[in-house]
Amino acid sequence: MGRTQSQRDDVAANVDRHDPGYALDDVVRAETPDQLKALGDDTRTTILDLLNERAATTSQLADALGKPKGTIGYHLKVLETNGFVRVVRTRKVRALTEKYYGRTGRTIVFAGAAGSSDPFGLLRRVMAEAVLSEGEPLPMWTVRHVRIPVERAVEFVERIAELGEEFISLPRGGDVVYALLAGIYPTNQPALRDPEP
């Protein structure tokens, strides 16, 4: 059973909202083919994941990913051109200006994913990065199918979005980075006809 609005407000009030140190939108949409292509690269999505923690420089990202600064700079430019990152502050280091990049939104909504040339790229990435340990309670996967009106499906989308916001707002700690994957989508599953009255 879902939470009431009062319960959701209580949860939101008790969550230590993660502050990356700069202003950003709650949601940014990926709609164009170029935006979807930009998000289809593993290095770029990993950069976005790292920037969900805090703003970082090209050098800091290159160090975290074990890749050359030139490679990271290229990927940052692609993400910036497509509206997913921006320079959030600068700092003088000797004679150079160091740029700190941050996300433009906490959550990226794949609004145009149905028209993508690879609509399952996100799922492949999730499966590739999941760490499976025998006997552990995580990861937990489940798929459920139900025939419901579109209005009810939209309600679940909103609840999932709220859960996602709560998840990314938790205080940082621990040694493991966890991911939350959830979705509501139309299927081609068959349905029984409604019973005759």
N, C-alpha and C. Protein backbone atom coordinates (compact mmCIF):
# COMPACT_ATOMS: atom_id res chain seq x y z
N MET A 1 0.84 -1.17 0.00
CA MET A 1 0.00 0.00 0.00
C MET A 1 0.89 1.24 0.00
N GLY A 2 0.51 2.27 -0.75
CA GLY A 2 1.32 3.48 -0.86
C GLY A 2 1.17 4.38 0.35
N ARG A 3 2.10 5.30 0.47
CA ARG A 3 2.05 6.25 1.57
C ARG A 3 1.06 7.36 1.27
N THR A 4 0.46 7.89 2.33
CA THR A 4 -0.40 9.06 2.18
C THR A 4 0.49 10.28 1.98
N GLN A 5 -0.10 11.38 1.55
CA GLN A 5 0.68 12.61 1.36
C GLN A 5 1.33 13.03 2.67
N SER A 6 0.62 12.89 3.79
CA SER A 6 1.17 13.24 5.10
C SER A 6 2.40 12.39 5.43
N GLN A 7 2.31 11.08 5.14
CA GLN A 7 3.45 10.20 5.39
C GLN A 7 4.63 10.58 4.50
N ARG A 8 4.36 10.91 3.22
CA ARG A 8 5.44 11.32 2.32
C ARG A 8 6.09 12.61 2.80
N ASP A 9 5.28 13.55 3.31
CA ASP A 9 5.81 14.79 3.84
C ASP A 9 6.69 14.52 5.06
N ASP A 10 6.27 13.58 5.93
CA ASP A 10 7.06 13.23 7.11
C ASP A 10 8.40 12.63 6.70
N VAL A 11 8.39 11.74 5.71
CA VAL A 11 9.64 11.15 5.23
C VAL A 11 10.54 12.23 4.67
N ALA A 12 9.99 13.12 3.84
CA ALA A 12 10.78 14.19 3.23
C ALA A 12 11.39 15.09 4.30
N ALA A 13 10.65 15.35 5.38
CA ALA A 13 11.15 16.22 6.44
C ALA A 13 12.29 15.55 7.21
N ASN A 14 12.28 14.22 7.29
CA ASN A 14 13.29 13.51 8.06
C ASN A 14 14.50 13.09 7.23
N VAL A 15 14.42 13.23 5.93
CA VAL A 15 15.53 12.85 5.07
C VAL A 15 16.56 13.98 5.07
N ASP A 16 17.81 13.62 5.29
CA ASP A 16 18.89 14.60 5.22
C ASP A 16 19.23 14.80 3.75
N ARG A 17 18.57 15.74 3.12
CA ARG A 17 18.68 15.96 1.67
C ARG A 17 20.13 16.19 1.29
N HIS A 18 20.63 15.36 0.42
CA HIS A 18 22.01 15.49 -0.02
C HIS A 18 22.19 16.78 -0.80
N ASP A 19 23.14 17.58 -0.39
CA ASP A 19 23.41 18.86 -1.04
C ASP A 19 24.75 18.77 -1.74
N PRO A 20 24.76 18.79 -3.07
CA PRO A 20 26.03 18.68 -3.80
C PRO A 20 26.87 19.95 -3.75
N GLY A 21 26.35 21.02 -3.16
CA GLY A 21 27.14 22.24 -3.04
C GLY A 21 26.86 23.28 -4.11
N TYR A 22 25.85 23.07 -4.92
CA TYR A 22 25.45 24.03 -5.95
C TYR A 22 23.98 23.80 -6.29
N ALA A 23 23.36 24.81 -6.89
CA ALA A 23 21.94 24.71 -7.24
C ALA A 23 21.77 23.85 -8.49
N LEU A 24 20.76 22.98 -8.45
CA LEU A 24 20.44 22.19 -9.63
C LEU A 24 18.95 21.87 -9.63
N ASP A 25 18.43 21.57 -10.81
CA ASP A 25 17.02 21.22 -10.95
C ASP A 25 16.77 19.83 -10.39
N ASP A 26 15.53 19.56 -10.01
CA ASP A 26 15.19 18.20 -9.56
C ASP A 26 15.22 17.22 -10.73
N VAL A 27 14.73 17.67 -11.90
CA VAL A 27 14.62 16.78 -13.06
C VAL A 27 15.15 17.47 -14.31
N VAL A 28 15.86 16.72 -15.12
CA VAL A 28 16.23 17.15 -16.47
C VAL A 28 15.79 16.03 -17.41
N ARG A 29 15.28 16.40 -18.57
CA ARG A 29 14.72 15.40 -19.49
C ARG A 29 15.68 15.09 -20.62
N ALA A 30 15.77 13.82 -20.96
CA ALA A 30 16.53 13.36 -22.12
C ALA A 30 15.51 13.01 -23.19
N GLU A 31 15.41 13.87 -24.21
CA GLU A 31 14.35 13.70 -25.21
C GLU A 31 14.87 13.57 -26.63
N THR A 32 15.93 14.26 -26.96
CA THR A 32 16.40 14.28 -28.34
C THR A 32 17.30 13.07 -28.62
N PRO A 33 17.44 12.70 -29.89
CA PRO A 33 18.36 11.61 -30.22
C PRO A 33 19.79 11.88 -29.75
N ASP A 34 20.25 13.14 -29.85
CA ASP A 34 21.61 13.46 -29.39
C ASP A 34 21.73 13.29 -27.88
N GLN A 35 20.71 13.68 -27.13
CA GLN A 35 20.75 13.50 -25.67
C GLN A 35 20.77 12.02 -25.30
N LEU A 36 19.94 11.24 -25.97
CA LEU A 36 19.91 9.80 -25.69
C LEU A 36 21.23 9.14 -26.06
N LYS A 37 21.83 9.58 -27.16
CA LYS A 37 23.13 9.05 -27.56
C LYS A 37 24.19 9.42 -26.53
N ALA A 38 24.13 10.65 -26.02
CA ALA A 38 25.09 11.09 -25.01
C ALA A 38 25.01 10.22 -23.77
N LEU A 39 23.82 9.78 -23.41
CA LEU A 39 23.64 8.96 -22.22
C LEU A 39 23.88 7.48 -22.48
N GLY A 40 24.11 7.12 -23.73
CA GLY A 40 24.33 5.73 -24.09
C GLY A 40 25.76 5.27 -23.90
N ASP A 41 26.63 6.16 -23.45
CA ASP A 41 28.05 5.82 -23.26
C ASP A 41 28.32 5.55 -21.78
N ASP A 42 28.97 4.44 -21.47
CA ASP A 42 29.23 4.05 -20.08
C ASP A 42 30.07 5.07 -19.33
N THR A 43 31.09 5.63 -19.99
CA THR A 43 31.93 6.62 -19.32
C THR A 43 31.12 7.84 -18.94
N ARG A 44 30.26 8.31 -19.85
CA ARG A 44 29.46 9.50 -19.55
C ARG A 44 28.44 9.25 -18.44
N THR A 45 27.82 8.07 -18.43
CA THR A 45 26.86 7.81 -17.36
C THR A 45 27.58 7.64 -16.02
N THR A 46 28.79 7.12 -16.04
CA THR A 46 29.56 7.02 -14.80
C THR A 46 29.96 8.40 -14.31
N ILE A 47 30.33 9.30 -15.21
CA ILE A 47 30.63 10.68 -14.83
C ILE A 47 29.41 11.31 -14.17
N LEU A 48 28.24 11.12 -14.76
CA LEU A 48 27.00 11.67 -14.17
C LEU A 48 26.75 11.08 -12.78
N ASP A 49 27.02 9.79 -12.61
CA ASP A 49 26.86 9.18 -11.29
C ASP A 49 27.80 9.81 -10.27
N LEU A 50 29.05 10.02 -10.67
CA LEU A 50 30.03 10.64 -9.76
C LEU A 50 29.62 12.07 -9.42
N LEU A 51 29.11 12.79 -10.40
CA LEU A 51 28.71 14.18 -10.16
C LEU A 51 27.42 14.27 -9.35
N ASN A 52 26.73 13.17 -9.16
CA ASN A 52 25.56 13.15 -8.28
C ASN A 52 26.01 13.29 -6.82
N GLU A 53 27.26 12.94 -6.57
CA GLU A 53 27.83 13.05 -5.23
C GLU A 53 28.22 14.49 -4.92
N ARG A 54 28.97 15.11 -5.85
CA ARG A 54 29.44 16.50 -5.69
C ARG A 54 30.06 16.96 -6.99
N ALA A 55 30.29 18.27 -7.10
CA ALA A 55 30.97 18.83 -8.26
C ALA A 55 32.41 18.33 -8.28
N ALA A 56 32.98 18.20 -9.48
CA ALA A 56 34.35 17.70 -9.61
C ALA A 56 35.02 18.30 -10.83
N THR A 57 36.33 18.32 -10.79
CA THR A 57 37.12 18.81 -11.93
C THR A 57 37.39 17.67 -12.90
N THR A 58 37.89 18.03 -14.07
CA THR A 58 38.29 17.02 -15.06
C THR A 58 39.34 16.10 -14.46
N SER A 59 40.30 16.68 -13.75
CA SER A 59 41.37 15.88 -13.14
C SER A 59 40.83 14.92 -12.09
N GLN A 60 39.91 15.38 -11.26
CA GLN A 60 39.33 14.51 -10.23
C GLN A 60 38.55 13.36 -10.85
N LEU A 61 37.81 13.65 -11.90
CA LEU A 61 37.04 12.61 -12.58
C LEU A 61 37.98 11.62 -13.28
N ALA A 62 39.02 12.14 -13.92
CA ALA A 62 40.00 11.28 -14.59
C ALA A 62 40.66 10.35 -13.59
N ASP A 63 41.00 10.86 -12.41
CA ASP A 63 41.61 10.05 -11.37
C ASP A 63 40.66 8.96 -10.89
N ALA A 64 39.40 9.32 -10.66
CA ALA A 64 38.42 8.35 -10.17
C ALA A 64 38.16 7.24 -11.20
N LEU A 65 38.18 7.60 -12.48
CA LEU A 65 37.86 6.64 -13.54
C LEU A 65 39.09 5.94 -14.11
N GLY A 66 40.28 6.44 -13.74
CA GLY A 66 41.51 5.84 -14.28
C GLY A 66 41.65 6.05 -15.78
N LYS A 67 41.22 7.23 -16.26
CA LYS A 67 41.27 7.55 -17.69
C LYS A 67 42.02 8.87 -17.88
N PRO A 68 42.54 9.10 -19.08
CA PRO A 68 43.25 10.36 -19.35
C PRO A 68 42.32 11.57 -19.25
N LYS A 69 42.91 12.70 -18.83
CA LYS A 69 42.12 13.93 -18.70
C LYS A 69 41.50 14.34 -20.04
N GLY A 70 42.20 14.13 -21.14
CA GLY A 70 41.66 14.48 -22.46
C GLY A 70 40.39 13.70 -22.78
N THR A 71 40.37 12.44 -22.42
CA THR A 71 39.19 11.60 -22.64
C THR A 71 38.02 12.10 -21.81
N ILE A 72 38.29 12.40 -20.54
CA ILE A 72 37.23 12.89 -19.65
C ILE A 72 36.74 14.26 -20.12
N GLY A 73 37.67 15.11 -20.57
CA GLY A 73 37.29 16.42 -21.09
C GLY A 73 36.34 16.30 -22.28
N TYR A 74 36.63 15.36 -23.17
CA TYR A 74 35.75 15.13 -24.33
C TYR A 74 34.34 14.73 -23.86
N HIS A 75 34.26 13.78 -22.93
CA HIS A 75 32.96 13.31 -22.45
C HIS A 75 32.20 14.42 -21.71
N LEU A 76 32.91 15.24 -20.96
CA LEU A 76 32.27 16.37 -20.28
C LEU A 76 31.69 17.35 -21.30
N LYS A 77 32.41 17.58 -22.39
CA LYS A 77 31.93 18.49 -23.43
C LYS A 77 30.63 17.95 -24.05
N VAL A 78 30.57 16.65 -24.32
CA VAL A 78 29.36 16.03 -24.87
C VAL A 78 28.20 16.20 -23.88
N LEU A 79 28.45 15.94 -22.61
CA LEU A 79 27.40 16.08 -21.60
C LEU A 79 26.96 17.53 -21.45
N GLU A 80 27.92 18.46 -21.52
CA GLU A 80 27.59 19.89 -21.40
C GLU A 80 26.78 20.36 -22.60
N THR A 81 27.17 19.96 -23.79
CA THR A 81 26.46 20.34 -25.02
C THR A 81 25.01 19.87 -24.99
N ASN A 82 24.77 18.72 -24.37
CA ASN A 82 23.43 18.14 -24.32
C ASN A 82 22.64 18.51 -23.07
N GLY A 83 23.19 19.42 -22.25
CA GLY A 83 22.44 19.96 -21.13
C GLY A 83 22.43 19.14 -19.86
N PHE A 84 23.37 18.20 -19.69
CA PHE A 84 23.38 17.35 -18.50
C PHE A 84 24.37 17.81 -17.43
N VAL A 85 25.41 18.55 -17.83
CA VAL A 85 26.36 19.11 -16.86
C VAL A 85 26.64 20.55 -17.23
N ARG A 86 27.18 21.28 -16.24
CA ARG A 86 27.60 22.65 -16.46
C ARG A 86 28.71 22.98 -15.49
N VAL A 87 29.45 24.05 -15.76
CA VAL A 87 30.47 24.52 -14.83
C VAL A 87 29.73 25.21 -13.69
N VAL A 88 29.96 24.74 -12.47
CA VAL A 88 29.25 25.29 -11.31
C VAL A 88 30.12 26.22 -10.48
N ARG A 89 31.44 26.13 -10.65
CA ARG A 89 32.36 27.08 -10.01
C ARG A 89 33.75 26.91 -10.61
N THR A 90 34.57 27.91 -10.37
CA THR A 90 35.96 27.86 -10.83
C THR A 90 36.88 28.20 -9.66
N ARG A 91 38.15 27.83 -9.83
CA ARG A 91 39.15 28.10 -8.80
C ARG A 91 40.48 28.33 -9.49
N LYS A 92 41.20 29.36 -9.07
CA LYS A 92 42.53 29.66 -9.62
C LYS A 92 43.55 28.73 -8.99
N VAL A 93 44.29 28.03 -9.82
CA VAL A 93 45.39 27.18 -9.38
C VAL A 93 46.62 27.62 -10.16
N ARG A 94 47.50 28.33 -9.48
CA ARG A 94 48.65 28.97 -10.11
C ARG A 94 48.15 29.86 -11.25
N ALA A 95 48.58 29.63 -12.46
CA ALA A 95 48.17 30.49 -13.57
C ALA A 95 46.95 29.96 -14.31
N LEU A 96 46.40 28.84 -13.85
CA LEU A 96 45.28 28.20 -14.55
C LEU A 96 43.98 28.37 -13.77
N THR A 97 42.87 28.31 -14.49
CA THR A 97 41.55 28.31 -13.87
C THR A 97 41.00 26.89 -13.94
N GLU A 98 40.72 26.34 -12.77
CA GLU A 98 40.19 24.98 -12.67
C GLU A 98 38.66 25.06 -12.67
N LYS A 99 38.02 24.27 -13.54
CA LYS A 99 36.56 24.26 -13.62
C LYS A 99 36.00 23.07 -12.87
N TYR A 100 34.95 23.34 -12.09
CA TYR A 100 34.23 22.28 -11.41
C TYR A 100 32.91 22.06 -12.13
N TYR A 101 32.68 20.81 -12.55
CA TYR A 101 31.46 20.46 -13.26
C TYR A 101 30.45 19.85 -12.30
N GLY A 102 29.18 20.16 -12.53
CA GLY A 102 28.09 19.58 -11.76
C GLY A 102 26.95 19.22 -12.69
N ARG A 103 26.08 18.37 -12.21
CA ARG A 103 24.90 17.99 -12.98
C ARG A 103 23.94 19.17 -13.09
N THR A 104 23.10 19.14 -14.10
CA THR A 104 22.05 20.17 -14.21
C THR A 104 20.78 19.73 -13.51
N GLY A 105 20.63 18.43 -13.24
CA GLY A 105 19.45 17.92 -12.56
C GLY A 105 19.78 16.70 -11.72
N ARG A 106 19.07 16.52 -10.61
CA ARG A 106 19.29 15.36 -9.74
C ARG A 106 18.89 14.07 -10.45
N THR A 107 17.79 14.14 -11.20
CA THR A 107 17.25 12.96 -11.86
C THR A 107 17.14 13.23 -13.35
N ILE A 108 17.51 12.24 -14.16
CA ILE A 108 17.37 12.34 -15.61
C ILE A 108 16.22 11.44 -16.01
N VAL A 109 15.22 12.02 -16.65
CA VAL A 109 14.05 11.27 -17.11
C VAL A 109 14.24 11.00 -18.59
N PHE A 110 14.17 9.74 -18.98
CA PHE A 110 14.32 9.34 -20.37
C PHE A 110 12.99 9.47 -21.08
N ALA A 111 12.65 10.70 -21.46
CA ALA A 111 11.35 10.98 -22.05
C ALA A 111 11.21 10.45 -23.46
N GLY A 112 12.28 10.37 -24.19
CA GLY A 112 12.20 9.94 -25.59
C GLY A 112 12.78 8.57 -25.83
N ALA A 113 12.92 7.78 -24.78
CA ALA A 113 13.62 6.50 -24.90
C ALA A 113 12.97 5.56 -25.90
N ALA A 114 11.67 5.68 -26.12
CA ALA A 114 11.00 4.77 -27.05
C ALA A 114 11.53 4.95 -28.47
N GLY A 115 11.97 6.15 -28.80
CA GLY A 115 12.49 6.40 -30.14
C GLY A 115 13.98 6.18 -30.25
N SER A 116 14.61 5.75 -29.17
CA SER A 116 16.05 5.55 -29.17
C SER A 116 16.41 4.36 -30.04
N SER A 117 17.60 4.42 -30.62
CA SER A 117 18.06 3.28 -31.41
C SER A 117 18.45 2.12 -30.50
N ASP A 118 18.63 2.37 -29.21
CA ASP A 118 18.97 1.32 -28.26
C ASP A 118 18.18 1.53 -26.96
N PRO A 119 16.88 1.23 -26.95
CA PRO A 119 16.07 1.48 -25.76
C PRO A 119 16.46 0.61 -24.57
N PHE A 120 17.23 -0.46 -24.77
CA PHE A 120 17.60 -1.35 -23.68
C PHE A 120 19.03 -1.11 -23.18
N GLY A 121 19.67 -0.06 -23.67
CA GLY A 121 21.03 0.25 -23.24
C GLY A 121 21.12 0.46 -21.74
N LEU A 122 20.14 1.16 -21.16
CA LEU A 122 20.14 1.41 -19.72
C LEU A 122 20.06 0.09 -18.95
N LEU A 123 19.21 -0.81 -19.39
CA LEU A 123 19.08 -2.10 -18.70
C LEU A 123 20.35 -2.92 -18.80
N ARG A 124 21.02 -2.89 -19.96
CA ARG A 124 22.28 -3.61 -20.11
C ARG A 124 23.34 -3.06 -19.15
N ARG A 125 23.35 -1.73 -19.00
CA ARG A 125 24.32 -1.11 -18.09
C ARG A 125 24.03 -1.54 -16.66
N VAL A 126 22.76 -1.54 -16.26
CA VAL A 126 22.39 -1.95 -14.91
C VAL A 126 22.85 -3.38 -14.65
N MET A 127 22.58 -4.27 -15.58
CA MET A 127 22.96 -5.67 -15.40
C MET A 127 24.48 -5.84 -15.36
N ALA A 128 25.21 -5.05 -16.14
CA ALA A 128 26.66 -5.16 -16.16
C ALA A 128 27.30 -4.66 -14.87
N GLU A 129 26.70 -3.66 -14.22
CA GLU A 129 27.33 -3.10 -13.02
C GLU A 129 26.86 -3.76 -11.73
N ALA A 130 25.81 -4.57 -11.79
CA ALA A 130 25.28 -5.20 -10.57
C ALA A 130 26.29 -6.22 -10.04
N VAL A 131 26.53 -6.17 -8.75
CA VAL A 131 27.43 -7.11 -8.09
C VAL A 131 26.57 -8.17 -7.40
N LEU A 132 26.76 -9.41 -7.79
CA LEU A 132 25.97 -10.50 -7.24
C LEU A 132 26.82 -11.31 -6.27
N SER A 133 26.36 -11.40 -5.02
CA SER A 133 27.06 -12.18 -4.00
C SER A 133 26.11 -13.24 -3.45
N GLU A 134 26.55 -14.48 -3.46
CA GLU A 134 25.71 -15.58 -3.01
C GLU A 134 25.35 -15.41 -1.53
N GLY A 135 24.09 -15.60 -1.21
CA GLY A 135 23.63 -15.53 0.16
C GLY A 135 23.29 -14.13 0.65
N GLU A 136 23.55 -13.11 -0.13
CA GLU A 136 23.25 -11.74 0.27
C GLU A 136 21.80 -11.40 -0.09
N PRO A 137 21.15 -10.51 0.67
CA PRO A 137 19.77 -10.14 0.37
C PRO A 137 19.64 -9.22 -0.84
N LEU A 138 20.74 -8.66 -1.30
CA LEU A 138 20.71 -7.76 -2.45
C LEU A 138 21.56 -8.33 -3.56
N PRO A 139 21.29 -8.12 -4.80
CA PRO A 139 20.21 -7.29 -5.31
C PRO A 139 18.87 -7.99 -5.26
N MET A 140 17.82 -7.20 -5.35
CA MET A 140 16.46 -7.71 -5.36
C MET A 140 15.82 -7.25 -6.66
N TRP A 141 15.33 -8.17 -7.46
CA TRP A 141 14.67 -7.84 -8.72
C TRP A 141 13.27 -8.42 -8.69
N THR A 142 12.33 -7.74 -9.25
CA THR A 142 10.99 -8.29 -9.39
C THR A 142 10.32 -7.64 -10.61
N VAL A 143 9.53 -8.40 -11.31
CA VAL A 143 8.74 -7.87 -12.42
C VAL A 143 7.30 -8.30 -12.19
N ARG A 144 6.40 -7.35 -12.26
CA ARG A 144 4.98 -7.62 -12.08
C ARG A 144 4.23 -7.04 -13.28
N HIS A 145 3.19 -7.73 -13.71
CA HIS A 145 2.34 -7.24 -14.80
C HIS A 145 0.92 -7.10 -14.28
N VAL A 146 0.27 -6.00 -14.65
CA VAL A 146 -1.12 -5.81 -14.27
C VAL A 146 -1.80 -4.93 -15.32
N ARG A 147 -3.04 -5.24 -15.60
CA ARG A 147 -3.82 -4.44 -16.55
C ARG A 147 -4.57 -3.39 -15.74
N ILE A 148 -4.17 -2.13 -15.90
CA ILE A 148 -4.77 -1.02 -15.15
C ILE A 148 -4.97 0.17 -16.08
N PRO A 149 -5.82 1.11 -15.70
CA PRO A 149 -5.98 2.33 -16.51
C PRO A 149 -4.70 3.17 -16.48
N VAL A 150 -4.50 3.93 -17.52
CA VAL A 150 -3.29 4.74 -17.63
C VAL A 150 -3.16 5.72 -16.46
N GLU A 151 -4.27 6.22 -15.95
CA GLU A 151 -4.22 7.16 -14.82
C GLU A 151 -3.56 6.53 -13.60
N ARG A 152 -3.86 5.25 -13.36
CA ARG A 152 -3.24 4.54 -12.22
C ARG A 152 -1.75 4.32 -12.48
N ALA A 153 -1.40 4.01 -13.73
CA ALA A 153 0.01 3.84 -14.06
C ALA A 153 0.79 5.13 -13.80
N VAL A 154 0.19 6.27 -14.14
CA VAL A 154 0.83 7.57 -13.90
C VAL A 154 1.01 7.80 -12.40
N GLU A 155 0.04 7.39 -11.59
CA GLU A 155 0.18 7.51 -10.13
C GLU A 155 1.40 6.74 -9.64
N PHE A 156 1.62 5.54 -10.17
CA PHE A 156 2.78 4.75 -9.77
C PHE A 156 4.08 5.41 -10.24
N VAL A 157 4.07 6.00 -11.42
CA VAL A 157 5.24 6.73 -11.89
C VAL A 157 5.61 7.83 -10.90
N GLU A 158 4.61 8.57 -10.44
CA GLU A 158 4.85 9.65 -9.48
C GLU A 158 5.40 9.11 -8.16
N ARG A 159 4.88 7.99 -7.70
CA ARG A 159 5.37 7.39 -6.46
C ARG A 159 6.80 6.88 -6.61
N ILE A 160 7.11 6.30 -7.77
CA ILE A 160 8.47 5.84 -8.01
C ILE A 160 9.43 7.03 -8.04
N ALA A 161 9.00 8.13 -8.66
CA ALA A 161 9.84 9.33 -8.70
C ALA A 161 10.12 9.84 -7.29
N GLU A 162 9.10 9.81 -6.42
CA GLU A 162 9.28 10.24 -5.02
C GLU A 162 10.26 9.32 -4.30
N LEU A 163 10.14 8.03 -4.52
CA LEU A 163 11.06 7.07 -3.90
C LEU A 163 12.49 7.31 -4.39
N GLY A 164 12.63 7.57 -5.68
CA GLY A 164 13.96 7.86 -6.23
C GLY A 164 14.57 9.10 -5.60
N GLU A 165 13.75 10.14 -5.40
CA GLU A 165 14.24 11.37 -4.75
C GLU A 165 14.68 11.09 -3.32
N GLU A 166 13.88 10.29 -2.60
CA GLU A 166 14.26 9.94 -1.23
C GLU A 166 15.58 9.17 -1.22
N PHE A 167 15.74 8.24 -2.16
CA PHE A 167 16.93 7.40 -2.25
C PHE A 167 18.19 8.25 -2.47
N ILE A 168 18.14 9.18 -3.45
CA ILE A 168 19.35 9.96 -3.74
C ILE A 168 19.59 11.07 -2.73
N SER A 169 18.62 11.33 -1.86
CA SER A 169 18.77 12.38 -0.85
C SER A 169 19.37 11.87 0.46
N LEU A 170 19.61 10.57 0.56
CA LEU A 170 20.15 10.02 1.79
C LEU A 170 21.56 10.53 2.05
N PRO A 171 21.95 10.64 3.34
CA PRO A 171 23.33 11.06 3.64
C PRO A 171 24.31 10.03 3.09
N ARG A 172 25.44 10.49 2.60
CA ARG A 172 26.44 9.60 2.04
C ARG A 172 27.19 8.90 3.17
N GLY A 173 27.53 7.63 2.95
CA GLY A 173 28.27 6.85 3.93
C GLY A 173 28.39 5.42 3.46
N GLY A 174 29.13 4.62 4.21
CA GLY A 174 29.30 3.22 3.84
C GLY A 174 30.37 3.05 2.78
N ASP A 175 30.57 1.79 2.40
CA ASP A 175 31.63 1.47 1.45
C ASP A 175 31.12 1.05 0.08
N VAL A 176 29.80 0.84 -0.06
CA VAL A 176 29.24 0.32 -1.30
C VAL A 176 28.29 1.35 -1.89
N VAL A 177 28.37 1.55 -3.21
CA VAL A 177 27.43 2.41 -3.92
C VAL A 177 26.27 1.52 -4.38
N TYR A 178 25.07 1.83 -3.93
CA TYR A 178 23.88 1.07 -4.32
C TYR A 178 23.13 1.83 -5.40
N ALA A 179 22.36 1.12 -6.21
CA ALA A 179 21.55 1.71 -7.26
C ALA A 179 20.10 1.30 -7.06
N LEU A 180 19.21 2.16 -7.50
CA LEU A 180 17.77 1.87 -7.46
C LEU A 180 17.28 1.88 -8.91
N LEU A 181 16.65 0.81 -9.33
CA LEU A 181 16.09 0.71 -10.67
C LEU A 181 14.61 0.41 -10.53
N ALA A 182 13.79 1.24 -11.12
CA ALA A 182 12.34 1.01 -11.08
C ALA A 182 11.74 1.62 -12.34
N GLY A 183 10.67 1.05 -12.81
CA GLY A 183 10.04 1.61 -14.00
C GLY A 183 8.62 1.10 -14.18
N ILE A 184 7.84 1.91 -14.83
CA ILE A 184 6.49 1.53 -15.25
C ILE A 184 6.48 1.69 -16.77
N TYR A 185 6.07 0.69 -17.48
CA TYR A 185 6.11 0.76 -18.93
C TYR A 185 5.00 -0.10 -19.53
N PRO A 186 4.47 0.31 -20.69
CA PRO A 186 3.47 -0.53 -21.36
C PRO A 186 4.17 -1.76 -21.95
N THR A 187 3.44 -2.86 -22.03
CA THR A 187 4.01 -4.09 -22.56
C THR A 187 3.14 -4.62 -23.70
N ASN A 188 3.63 -5.68 -24.31
CA ASN A 188 2.83 -6.37 -25.33
C ASN A 188 2.25 -7.67 -24.76
N GLN A 189 2.16 -7.76 -23.42
CA GLN A 189 1.62 -8.95 -22.77
C GLN A 189 0.13 -9.10 -23.10
N PRO A 190 -0.35 -10.33 -23.29
CA PRO A 190 -1.79 -10.53 -23.54
C PRO A 190 -2.60 -10.28 -22.28
N ALA A 191 -3.87 -10.01 -22.45
CA ALA A 191 -4.76 -9.75 -21.31
C ALA A 191 -6.04 -10.56 -21.50
N LEU A 192 -6.58 -11.01 -20.38
CA LEU A 192 -7.88 -11.67 -20.41
C LEU A 192 -8.95 -10.62 -20.60
N ARG A 193 -10.02 -10.97 -21.28
CA ARG A 193 -11.14 -10.06 -21.41
C ARG A 193 -11.86 -9.93 -20.06
N ASP A 194 -12.49 -8.80 -19.85
CA ASP A 194 -13.28 -8.63 -18.64
C ASP A 194 -14.42 -9.64 -18.65
N PRO A 195 -14.76 -10.19 -17.47
CA PRO A 195 -15.86 -11.18 -17.44
C PRO A 195 -17.19 -10.51 -17.79
N GLU A 196 -18.05 -11.28 -18.43
CA GLU A 196 -19.37 -10.79 -18.80
C GLU A 196 -20.22 -10.61 -17.54
N PRO A 197 -21.02 -9.54 -17.45
CA PRO A 197 -21.86 -9.32 -16.25
C PRO A 197 -22.95 -10.36 -16.11
